[in-house]
Amino acid sequence: MKKFKVTETIYYMNRTKTYTHEGTLEDLIKYSKYTFEIGQSYNPKINTNPKTIKGYISNLKKSLEEKHCCPVEVSYIEI
């Protein structure tokens, strides 16, 4: 299984927070399930069970923007 390193950067009004997570796509989906559910409660178009890493990144970015109400940057690399 491919492993990925995902970096989330959240830009608040006066500070920036960066989080990094590593794991397979399934591990990352389990870790972000709650964030996906929050995002989907505001935007029903968010998929809580993406099949690819690109879909995961896209849906995570949308969910984080809904959750934090501020700009978010999400990137990944394959390790």
Protein backbone atom coordinates (compact mmCIF):
# COMPACT_ATOMS: atom_id res chain seq x y z
CA MET A 1 0.00 0.00 0.00
CA LYS A 2 1.16 3.51 -0.76
CA LYS A 3 1.84 5.81 2.17
CA PHE A 4 1.30 9.54 2.04
CA LYS A 5 2.33 12.55 4.09
CA VAL A 6 -0.43 15.18 4.21
CA THR A 7 0.19 18.74 5.38
CA GLU A 8 -2.70 21.01 6.38
CA THR A 9 -2.06 24.74 6.77
CA ILE A 10 -4.88 26.77 8.31
CA TYR A 11 -4.67 30.55 8.03
CA TYR A 12 -6.45 32.19 10.96
CA MET A 13 -6.79 35.96 11.37
CA ASN A 14 -3.58 36.48 13.34
CA ARG A 15 -1.82 33.11 13.22
CA THR A 16 -1.17 30.10 11.03
CA LYS A 17 -1.30 26.49 12.19
CA THR A 18 0.25 23.57 10.33
CA TYR A 19 -0.56 19.90 10.92
CA THR A 20 1.10 16.87 9.33
CA HIS A 21 -0.30 13.33 9.12
CA GLU A 22 1.17 10.16 7.62
CA GLY A 23 -0.40 6.88 6.59
CA THR A 24 -2.18 4.96 3.87
CA LEU A 25 -5.28 6.42 2.26
CA GLU A 26 -7.49 4.27 4.51
CA ASP A 27 -5.65 5.46 7.64
CA LEU A 28 -5.96 9.09 6.59
CA ILE A 29 -9.69 8.72 5.89
CA LYS A 30 -10.23 7.19 9.35
CA TYR A 31 -8.24 10.01 10.95
CA SER A 32 -10.23 12.72 9.11
CA LYS A 33 -13.70 11.13 9.34
CA TYR A 34 -15.00 13.63 11.90
CA THR A 35 -13.74 16.59 9.85
CA PHE A 36 -15.46 15.15 6.76
CA GLU A 37 -18.72 14.76 8.69
CA ILE A 38 -18.60 18.37 9.93
CA GLY A 39 -17.87 19.63 6.43
CA GLN A 40 -20.68 17.54 4.95
CA SER A 41 -23.15 18.94 7.48
CA TYR A 42 -22.51 22.40 5.98
CA ASN A 43 -21.91 21.30 2.37
CA PRO A 44 -23.64 18.06 1.27
CA LYS A 45 -21.39 17.81 -1.82
CA ILE A 46 -18.42 16.74 0.34
CA ASN A 47 -17.65 13.03 -0.08
CA THR A 48 -16.88 11.37 3.27
CA ASN A 49 -15.36 8.26 1.64
CA PRO A 50 -13.02 9.33 -1.21
CA LYS A 51 -11.42 6.59 -3.34
CA THR A 52 -8.20 8.38 -4.39
CA ILE A 53 -5.65 10.60 -2.69
CA LYS A 54 -6.61 13.54 -4.93
CA GLY A 55 -10.25 13.13 -3.94
CA TYR A 56 -9.21 12.90 -0.30
CA ILE A 57 -7.18 16.13 -0.51
CA SER A 58 -9.98 17.99 -2.31
CA ASN A 59 -12.66 16.91 0.17
CA LEU A 60 -10.38 17.54 3.18
CA LYS A 61 -9.70 21.10 1.98
CA LYS A 62 -13.43 21.78 1.53
CA SER A 63 -14.22 20.26 4.94
CA LEU A 64 -11.54 22.24 6.74
CA GLU A 65 -12.71 25.48 5.12
CA GLU A 66 -16.28 24.76 6.29
CA LYS A 67 -15.09 23.80 9.78
CA HIS A 68 -12.73 26.73 10.41
CA CYS A 69 -14.33 29.42 8.19
CA CYS A 70 -10.93 30.57 6.94
CA PRO A 71 -8.52 29.83 4.07
CA VAL A 72 -6.85 26.41 4.11
CA GLU A 73 -4.03 24.87 2.12
CA VAL A 74 -3.67 21.07 1.90
CA SER A 75 -0.80 19.29 0.16
CA TYR A 76 0.59 15.77 0.07
CA ILE A 77 3.63 13.76 -0.97
CA GLU A 78 4.02 10.04 -1.48
CA ILE A 79 6.55 8.39 0.86
